[in-house]
């Protein structure tokens, strides 16, 4: 029979430390590879000519006759709230200071509170009565060693 040589076994603490070291080195290697593999920027920065053209674009758009007509139309369709137009027509809509809760939201909160209350009551009963295993239970290992220690 051919016997293979066995490596000397390490104590559990030394084995855990070496495993933790290997895991830490692997995590550091993956982090370093991710830093090297990821590009530094998603989009190249614009050139100086393109940047100046983009900066001038909003000012040119503000004086465009097509957009001016659209702005005037939108101003007529959507008047500013509380302005002269609303005051002339007595268009006042009373709005509460704070938004309230709907009936379904209140009912849902009450059901959740009821369930939490029942769970808290059951926990309080269990803590008050303590650990009481069933003495009539037949079978092996009715009480775990930890519970046996706690009962003593």
N, C-alpha and C. Protein backbone atom coordinates (compact mmCIF):
# COMPACT_ATOMS: atom_id res chain seq x y z
N UNK A 1 0.84 -1.18 0.00
CA UNK A 1 0.00 0.00 0.00
C UNK A 1 0.88 1.24 0.00
N UNK A 2 0.48 2.22 -0.78
CA UNK A 2 1.23 3.46 -0.89
C UNK A 2 0.57 4.49 0.01
N UNK A 3 1.34 5.07 0.89
CA UNK A 3 0.82 6.09 1.78
C UNK A 3 1.27 7.46 1.29
N UNK A 4 0.32 8.37 1.26
CA UNK A 4 0.68 9.73 0.87
C UNK A 4 1.11 10.49 2.12
N UNK A 5 2.13 11.32 2.00
CA UNK A 5 2.58 12.06 3.18
C UNK A 5 1.53 13.11 3.57
N UNK A 6 1.28 13.21 4.85
CA UNK A 6 0.31 14.18 5.33
C UNK A 6 1.05 15.41 5.85
N UNK A 7 0.44 16.55 5.57
CA UNK A 7 1.01 17.80 6.07
C UNK A 7 0.69 17.93 7.55
N UNK A 8 1.59 18.56 8.30
CA UNK A 8 1.28 18.73 9.72
C UNK A 8 0.09 19.68 9.87
N UNK A 9 -0.86 19.32 10.71
CA UNK A 9 -2.06 20.13 10.88
C UNK A 9 -1.76 21.30 11.82
N UNK A 10 -2.35 22.43 11.50
CA UNK A 10 -2.18 23.63 12.31
C UNK A 10 -3.24 23.67 13.39
N UNK A 11 -2.96 24.34 14.49
CA UNK A 11 -4.01 24.52 15.48
C UNK A 11 -5.12 25.39 14.90
N UNK A 12 -6.36 25.30 15.42
CA UNK A 12 -7.49 26.04 14.84
C UNK A 12 -7.26 27.55 14.79
N UNK A 13 -6.62 28.13 15.79
CA UNK A 13 -6.41 29.57 15.81
C UNK A 13 -5.47 29.99 14.68
N UNK A 14 -4.39 29.23 14.49
CA UNK A 14 -3.44 29.56 13.43
C UNK A 14 -4.08 29.35 12.06
N UNK A 15 -4.92 28.33 11.94
CA UNK A 15 -5.60 28.08 10.67
C UNK A 15 -6.57 29.23 10.36
N UNK A 16 -7.27 29.71 11.37
CA UNK A 16 -8.21 30.82 11.17
C UNK A 16 -7.46 32.09 10.77
N UNK A 17 -6.32 32.32 11.40
CA UNK A 17 -5.53 33.51 11.06
C UNK A 17 -5.00 33.43 9.65
N UNK A 18 -4.50 32.27 9.24
CA UNK A 18 -3.97 32.15 7.88
C UNK A 18 -5.10 32.27 6.85
N UNK A 19 -6.25 31.73 7.15
CA UNK A 19 -7.40 31.87 6.24
C UNK A 19 -7.82 33.32 6.14
N UNK A 20 -7.85 34.02 7.27
CA UNK A 20 -8.22 35.43 7.26
C UNK A 20 -7.21 36.25 6.47
N UNK A 21 -5.92 35.93 6.62
CA UNK A 21 -4.89 36.64 5.87
C UNK A 21 -5.06 36.43 4.38
N UNK A 22 -5.30 35.18 3.98
CA UNK A 22 -5.50 34.88 2.55
C UNK A 22 -6.72 35.61 2.01
N UNK A 23 -7.79 35.64 2.78
CA UNK A 23 -9.00 36.33 2.35
C UNK A 23 -8.76 37.83 2.23
N UNK A 24 -8.03 38.41 3.17
CA UNK A 24 -7.72 39.84 3.13
C UNK A 24 -6.86 40.18 1.93
N UNK A 25 -5.88 39.34 1.62
CA UNK A 25 -5.02 39.57 0.45
C UNK A 25 -5.85 39.46 -0.83
N UNK A 26 -6.77 38.50 -0.89
CA UNK A 26 -7.61 38.35 -2.08
C UNK A 26 -8.51 39.56 -2.27
N UNK A 27 -9.08 40.08 -1.20
CA UNK A 27 -9.94 41.26 -1.29
C UNK A 27 -9.13 42.47 -1.75
N UNK A 28 -7.92 42.63 -1.21
CA UNK A 28 -7.07 43.75 -1.62
C UNK A 28 -6.68 43.63 -3.09
N UNK A 29 -6.42 42.41 -3.56
CA UNK A 29 -6.06 42.22 -4.96
C UNK A 29 -7.23 42.55 -5.88
N UNK A 30 -8.44 42.14 -5.49
CA UNK A 30 -9.62 42.45 -6.30
C UNK A 30 -9.86 43.95 -6.32
N UNK A 31 -9.70 44.63 -5.19
CA UNK A 31 -9.89 46.09 -5.14
C UNK A 31 -8.86 46.79 -6.01
N UNK A 32 -7.61 46.33 -5.98
CA UNK A 32 -6.57 46.95 -6.81
C UNK A 32 -6.86 46.74 -8.29
N UNK A 33 -7.30 45.55 -8.67
CA UNK A 33 -7.64 45.29 -10.07
C UNK A 33 -8.82 46.14 -10.52
N UNK A 34 -9.79 46.32 -9.65
CA UNK A 34 -10.95 47.16 -10.01
C UNK A 34 -10.53 48.61 -10.20
N UNK A 35 -9.62 49.10 -9.37
CA UNK A 35 -9.16 50.48 -9.51
C UNK A 35 -8.37 50.68 -10.80
N UNK A 36 -7.62 49.67 -11.20
CA UNK A 36 -6.83 49.78 -12.42
C UNK A 36 -7.68 49.58 -13.66
N UNK A 37 -8.71 48.77 -13.58
CA UNK A 37 -9.51 48.43 -14.75
C UNK A 37 -10.55 49.50 -15.08
N UNK A 38 -11.05 50.22 -14.08
CA UNK A 38 -12.10 51.20 -14.31
C UNK A 38 -11.50 52.46 -14.92
N UNK A 39 -12.13 52.99 -15.99
CA UNK A 39 -11.61 54.23 -16.56
C UNK A 39 -11.78 55.39 -15.59
N UNK A 40 -10.94 56.40 -15.74
CA UNK A 40 -10.98 57.52 -14.80
C UNK A 40 -12.17 58.42 -15.04
N UNK A 41 -12.70 58.48 -16.27
CA UNK A 41 -13.86 59.33 -16.58
C UNK A 41 -14.71 58.61 -17.59
N UNK A 42 -16.02 58.82 -17.50
CA UNK A 42 -16.93 58.18 -18.44
C UNK A 42 -16.95 58.93 -19.77
N UNK A 43 -16.83 60.24 -19.73
CA UNK A 43 -16.91 61.07 -20.92
C UNK A 43 -15.69 61.97 -20.95
N UNK A 44 -15.12 62.15 -22.14
CA UNK A 44 -13.97 63.02 -22.27
C UNK A 44 -14.41 64.47 -22.05
N UNK A 45 -13.59 65.29 -21.42
CA UNK A 45 -13.97 66.69 -21.22
C UNK A 45 -14.06 67.41 -22.55
N UNK A 46 -14.98 68.39 -22.66
CA UNK A 46 -15.14 69.10 -23.93
C UNK A 46 -13.92 69.97 -24.22
N UNK A 47 -13.71 70.20 -25.49
CA UNK A 47 -12.62 71.09 -25.89
C UNK A 47 -13.00 72.53 -25.58
N UNK A 48 -12.05 73.43 -25.65
CA UNK A 48 -12.30 74.83 -25.31
C UNK A 48 -13.29 75.47 -26.28
N UNK A 49 -13.25 75.13 -27.56
CA UNK A 49 -14.16 75.71 -28.55
C UNK A 49 -15.58 75.24 -28.30
N UNK A 50 -15.74 73.96 -28.01
CA UNK A 50 -17.08 73.42 -27.76
C UNK A 50 -17.66 73.99 -26.47
N UNK A 51 -16.84 74.20 -25.46
CA UNK A 51 -17.32 74.74 -24.19
C UNK A 51 -17.81 76.17 -24.36
N UNK A 52 -17.11 77.00 -25.15
CA UNK A 52 -17.55 78.38 -25.35
C UNK A 52 -18.83 78.43 -26.17
N UNK A 53 -18.98 77.52 -27.14
CA UNK A 53 -20.21 77.48 -27.94
C UNK A 53 -21.39 77.06 -27.08
N UNK A 54 -21.17 76.12 -26.16
CA UNK A 54 -22.25 75.67 -25.29
C UNK A 54 -22.64 76.76 -24.30
N UNK A 55 -21.69 77.57 -23.86
CA UNK A 55 -21.99 78.64 -22.92
C UNK A 55 -22.81 79.73 -23.59
N UNK A 56 -22.61 79.96 -24.88
CA UNK A 56 -23.35 80.99 -25.59
C UNK A 56 -24.73 80.52 -26.02
N UNK A 57 -24.99 79.22 -26.04
CA UNK A 57 -26.26 78.69 -26.53
C UNK A 57 -27.47 79.16 -25.73
N UNK A 58 -27.48 79.18 -24.41
CA UNK A 58 -28.68 79.62 -23.69
C UNK A 58 -29.04 81.07 -23.98
N UNK A 59 -28.05 81.94 -24.13
CA UNK A 59 -28.36 83.34 -24.39
C UNK A 59 -28.96 83.51 -25.78
N UNK A 60 -28.51 82.71 -26.74
CA UNK A 60 -29.08 82.77 -28.09
C UNK A 60 -30.50 82.25 -28.07
N UNK A 61 -30.75 81.19 -27.30
CA UNK A 61 -32.08 80.60 -27.24
C UNK A 61 -33.08 81.55 -26.58
N UNK A 62 -32.66 82.38 -25.65
CA UNK A 62 -33.57 83.29 -24.97
C UNK A 62 -34.16 84.32 -25.91
N UNK A 63 -33.42 84.68 -26.97
CA UNK A 63 -33.90 85.70 -27.90
C UNK A 63 -34.53 85.10 -29.16
N UNK A 64 -34.69 83.79 -29.22
CA UNK A 64 -35.28 83.16 -30.40
C UNK A 64 -36.77 83.50 -30.44
N UNK A 65 -37.30 83.93 -31.59
CA UNK A 65 -38.71 84.33 -31.67
C UNK A 65 -39.66 83.16 -31.44
N UNK A 66 -39.28 81.95 -31.83
CA UNK A 66 -40.17 80.81 -31.62
C UNK A 66 -40.36 80.52 -30.14
N UNK A 67 -39.26 80.58 -29.41
CA UNK A 67 -39.35 80.30 -27.98
C UNK A 67 -40.05 81.42 -27.23
N UNK A 68 -39.93 82.64 -27.68
CA UNK A 68 -40.60 83.76 -27.02
C UNK A 68 -42.11 83.61 -27.12
N UNK A 69 -42.60 83.17 -28.30
CA UNK A 69 -44.04 82.94 -28.45
C UNK A 69 -44.53 81.83 -27.53
N UNK A 70 -43.72 80.78 -27.40
CA UNK A 70 -44.10 79.67 -26.52
C UNK A 70 -44.12 80.13 -25.07
N UNK A 71 -43.18 80.96 -24.67
CA UNK A 71 -43.15 81.45 -23.29
C UNK A 71 -44.36 82.31 -22.99
N UNK A 72 -44.77 83.15 -23.94
CA UNK A 72 -45.95 84.01 -23.72
C UNK A 72 -47.20 83.16 -23.63
N UNK A 73 -47.30 82.14 -24.48
CA UNK A 73 -48.47 81.25 -24.45
C UNK A 73 -48.54 80.51 -23.12
N UNK A 74 -47.42 79.99 -22.66
CA UNK A 74 -47.41 79.29 -21.38
C UNK A 74 -47.74 80.23 -20.23
N UNK A 75 -47.34 81.48 -20.32
CA UNK A 75 -47.65 82.43 -19.27
C UNK A 75 -49.14 82.69 -19.20
N UNK A 76 -49.83 82.65 -20.34
CA UNK A 76 -51.27 82.86 -20.34
C UNK A 76 -52.00 81.61 -19.85
N UNK A 77 -51.49 80.43 -20.18
CA UNK A 77 -52.16 79.20 -19.77
C UNK A 77 -51.95 78.94 -18.28
N UNK A 78 -50.74 79.16 -17.82
CA UNK A 78 -50.42 78.90 -16.42
C UNK A 78 -50.08 80.21 -15.71
N UNK A 79 -51.10 80.96 -15.26
CA UNK A 79 -50.79 82.21 -14.56
C UNK A 79 -50.15 81.91 -13.21
N UNK A 80 -49.40 82.84 -12.70
CA UNK A 80 -48.74 82.64 -11.42
C UNK A 80 -49.77 82.63 -10.30
N UNK A 81 -49.57 81.79 -9.35
CA UNK A 81 -50.50 81.67 -8.23
C UNK A 81 -50.44 82.93 -7.37
N UNK A 82 -51.61 83.42 -7.00
CA UNK A 82 -51.67 84.58 -6.14
C UNK A 82 -51.41 85.88 -6.85
N UNK A 83 -51.37 85.87 -8.16
CA UNK A 83 -51.09 87.08 -8.91
C UNK A 83 -52.34 87.92 -9.16
N UNK A 84 -52.17 88.92 -10.00
CA UNK A 84 -53.25 89.85 -10.32
C UNK A 84 -54.42 89.13 -10.99
N UNK A 85 -54.12 88.18 -11.85
CA UNK A 85 -55.15 87.44 -12.59
C UNK A 85 -56.08 86.70 -11.64
N UNK A 86 -55.53 86.02 -10.61
CA UNK A 86 -56.35 85.29 -9.64
C UNK A 86 -57.13 86.24 -8.74
N UNK A 87 -56.54 87.34 -8.35
CA UNK A 87 -57.21 88.28 -7.47
C UNK A 87 -58.39 88.95 -8.16
N UNK A 88 -58.26 89.22 -9.47
CA UNK A 88 -59.37 89.82 -10.21
C UNK A 88 -60.57 88.89 -10.29
N UNK A 89 -60.35 87.60 -10.37
CA UNK A 89 -61.42 86.63 -10.55
C UNK A 89 -61.81 85.93 -9.24
N UNK A 90 -61.25 86.35 -8.13
CA UNK A 90 -61.51 85.75 -6.81
C UNK A 90 -61.31 84.23 -6.83
N UNK A 91 -60.26 83.79 -7.48
CA UNK A 91 -59.94 82.37 -7.53
C UNK A 91 -59.01 82.03 -6.37
N UNK A 92 -59.61 81.64 -5.28
CA UNK A 92 -58.82 81.29 -4.11
C UNK A 92 -59.17 79.86 -3.73
N UNK A 93 -58.16 79.03 -3.61
CA UNK A 93 -58.37 77.65 -3.20
C UNK A 93 -57.74 77.46 -1.84
N UNK A 94 -58.58 77.22 -0.82
CA UNK A 94 -57.99 77.02 0.51
C UNK A 94 -57.22 75.71 0.55
N UNK A 95 -55.98 75.79 0.98
CA UNK A 95 -55.11 74.62 1.06
C UNK A 95 -54.66 74.48 2.50
N UNK A 96 -54.80 73.29 3.09
CA UNK A 96 -54.33 73.12 4.46
C UNK A 96 -52.82 73.32 4.55
N UNK A 97 -52.38 73.72 5.74
CA UNK A 97 -50.94 73.94 5.94
C UNK A 97 -50.15 72.66 5.80
N UNK A 98 -50.70 71.56 6.30
CA UNK A 98 -50.01 70.27 6.23
C UNK A 98 -50.92 69.25 5.57
N UNK A 99 -50.32 68.35 4.85
CA UNK A 99 -51.11 67.28 4.26
C UNK A 99 -51.48 66.29 5.35
N UNK A 100 -52.73 65.86 5.35
CA UNK A 100 -53.20 64.91 6.35
C UNK A 100 -53.00 63.47 5.89
N UNK A 101 -53.39 62.55 6.75
CA UNK A 101 -53.32 61.13 6.42
C UNK A 101 -54.69 60.67 5.94
N UNK A 102 -54.70 59.76 4.98
CA UNK A 102 -55.96 59.21 4.50
C UNK A 102 -56.45 58.16 5.49
N UNK A 103 -57.72 57.77 5.34
CA UNK A 103 -58.29 56.77 6.25
C UNK A 103 -57.58 55.42 6.11
N UNK A 104 -57.21 55.06 4.90
CA UNK A 104 -56.53 53.78 4.72
C UNK A 104 -55.14 53.79 5.35
N UNK A 105 -54.45 54.92 5.32
CA UNK A 105 -53.14 55.00 5.96
C UNK A 105 -53.28 54.86 7.47
N UNK A 106 -54.29 55.50 8.05
CA UNK A 106 -54.51 55.40 9.50
C UNK A 106 -54.88 53.97 9.88
N UNK A 107 -55.75 53.33 9.08
CA UNK A 107 -56.14 51.94 9.37
C UNK A 107 -54.94 51.01 9.28
N UNK A 108 -54.09 51.21 8.29
CA UNK A 108 -52.90 50.37 8.15
C UNK A 108 -51.97 50.54 9.35
N UNK A 109 -51.78 51.77 9.80
CA UNK A 109 -50.93 52.02 10.97
C UNK A 109 -51.51 51.36 12.22
N UNK A 110 -52.85 51.40 12.37
CA UNK A 110 -53.47 50.78 13.55
C UNK A 110 -53.33 49.26 13.51
N UNK A 111 -53.46 48.65 12.32
CA UNK A 111 -53.28 47.20 12.22
C UNK A 111 -51.85 46.81 12.55
N UNK A 112 -50.88 47.57 12.04
CA UNK A 112 -49.47 47.29 12.35
C UNK A 112 -49.21 47.45 13.84
N UNK A 113 -49.79 48.49 14.46
CA UNK A 113 -49.62 48.69 15.90
C UNK A 113 -50.24 47.54 16.69
N UNK A 114 -51.39 47.03 16.23
CA UNK A 114 -52.03 45.90 16.91
C UNK A 114 -51.14 44.67 16.84
N UNK A 115 -50.58 44.38 15.66
CA UNK A 115 -49.71 43.21 15.52
C UNK A 115 -48.45 43.35 16.38
N UNK A 116 -47.88 44.55 16.43
CA UNK A 116 -46.70 44.78 17.28
C UNK A 116 -47.07 44.61 18.75
N UNK A 117 -48.24 45.06 19.15
CA UNK A 117 -48.69 44.91 20.53
C UNK A 117 -48.87 43.45 20.91
N UNK A 118 -49.47 42.66 20.00
CA UNK A 118 -49.65 41.22 20.27
C UNK A 118 -48.30 40.54 20.40
N UNK A 119 -47.35 40.88 19.50
CA UNK A 119 -46.00 40.29 19.58
C UNK A 119 -45.30 40.69 20.87
N UNK A 120 -45.45 41.94 21.31
CA UNK A 120 -44.83 42.38 22.56
C UNK A 120 -45.44 41.68 23.75
N UNK A 121 -46.76 41.47 23.74
CA UNK A 121 -47.43 40.77 24.84
C UNK A 121 -46.96 39.32 24.92
N UNK A 122 -46.83 38.67 23.77
CA UNK A 122 -46.35 37.29 23.75
C UNK A 122 -44.91 37.21 24.25
N UNK A 123 -44.08 38.16 23.87
CA UNK A 123 -42.70 38.19 24.36
C UNK A 123 -42.66 38.41 25.86
N UNK A 124 -43.49 39.31 26.36
CA UNK A 124 -43.53 39.56 27.81
C UNK A 124 -43.95 38.32 28.57
N UNK A 125 -44.95 37.59 28.06
CA UNK A 125 -45.37 36.34 28.71
C UNK A 125 -44.22 35.34 28.74
N UNK A 126 -43.53 35.20 27.62
CA UNK A 126 -42.42 34.25 27.56
C UNK A 126 -41.30 34.62 28.51
N UNK A 127 -40.99 35.91 28.63
CA UNK A 127 -39.93 36.32 29.55
C UNK A 127 -40.36 36.18 31.02
N UNK A 128 -41.65 36.41 31.28
CA UNK A 128 -42.13 36.32 32.66
C UNK A 128 -42.18 34.87 33.13
N UNK A 129 -42.67 33.97 32.27
CA UNK A 129 -42.81 32.56 32.67
C UNK A 129 -41.48 31.83 32.67
N UNK A 130 -40.53 32.27 31.92
CA UNK A 130 -39.22 31.62 31.88
C UNK A 130 -39.24 30.41 30.98
N UNK A 131 -38.18 29.58 31.10
CA UNK A 131 -38.05 28.39 30.27
C UNK A 131 -38.69 27.24 31.00
N UNK A 132 -39.79 26.74 30.46
CA UNK A 132 -40.51 25.61 31.06
C UNK A 132 -40.70 24.53 30.01
N UNK A 133 -39.79 23.57 29.92
CA UNK A 133 -39.97 22.51 28.94
C UNK A 133 -41.14 21.60 29.35
N UNK A 134 -41.76 20.97 28.38
CA UNK A 134 -42.90 20.09 28.63
C UNK A 134 -42.40 18.79 29.27
N UNK A 135 -42.80 18.49 30.52
CA UNK A 135 -42.30 17.26 31.17
C UNK A 135 -42.95 16.01 30.60
N UNK A 136 -44.08 16.11 29.94
CA UNK A 136 -44.79 14.93 29.41
C UNK A 136 -44.31 14.53 28.02
N UNK A 137 -43.40 15.28 27.45
CA UNK A 137 -42.94 14.98 26.11
C UNK A 137 -42.07 13.73 26.14
N UNK A 138 -42.40 12.81 25.27
CA UNK A 138 -41.63 11.57 25.17
C UNK A 138 -40.61 11.73 24.04
N UNK A 139 -39.47 11.20 24.24
CA UNK A 139 -38.47 11.24 23.19
C UNK A 139 -37.11 11.61 23.74
N UNK A 140 -36.16 11.58 22.84
CA UNK A 140 -34.79 11.81 23.23
C UNK A 140 -34.48 13.31 23.14
N UNK A 141 -33.66 13.80 24.02
CA UNK A 141 -33.15 15.17 24.03
C UNK A 141 -34.28 16.18 24.08
N UNK A 142 -35.07 16.10 25.13
CA UNK A 142 -36.15 17.08 25.28
C UNK A 142 -35.60 18.43 25.73
N UNK A 143 -34.46 18.41 26.42
CA UNK A 143 -33.87 19.65 26.91
C UNK A 143 -32.44 19.73 26.38
N UNK A 144 -32.12 20.83 25.78
CA UNK A 144 -30.76 21.00 25.27
C UNK A 144 -29.81 21.27 26.44
N UNK A 145 -28.53 21.06 26.25
CA UNK A 145 -27.59 21.30 27.34
C UNK A 145 -27.59 22.76 27.82
N UNK A 146 -27.78 23.71 26.91
CA UNK A 146 -27.80 25.11 27.31
C UNK A 146 -29.01 25.40 28.19
N UNK A 147 -30.17 24.89 27.81
CA UNK A 147 -31.38 25.10 28.61
C UNK A 147 -31.23 24.40 29.96
N UNK A 148 -30.62 23.24 29.98
CA UNK A 148 -30.41 22.51 31.24
C UNK A 148 -29.52 23.33 32.18
N UNK A 149 -28.48 23.95 31.61
CA UNK A 149 -27.60 24.80 32.42
C UNK A 149 -28.34 26.02 32.95
N UNK A 150 -29.19 26.60 32.13
CA UNK A 150 -29.96 27.78 32.56
C UNK A 150 -30.99 27.43 33.63
N UNK A 151 -31.53 26.22 33.57
CA UNK A 151 -32.54 25.81 34.56
C UNK A 151 -31.90 25.52 35.91
N UNK A 152 -30.63 25.16 35.96
CA UNK A 152 -29.98 24.79 37.22
C UNK A 152 -29.62 25.97 38.06
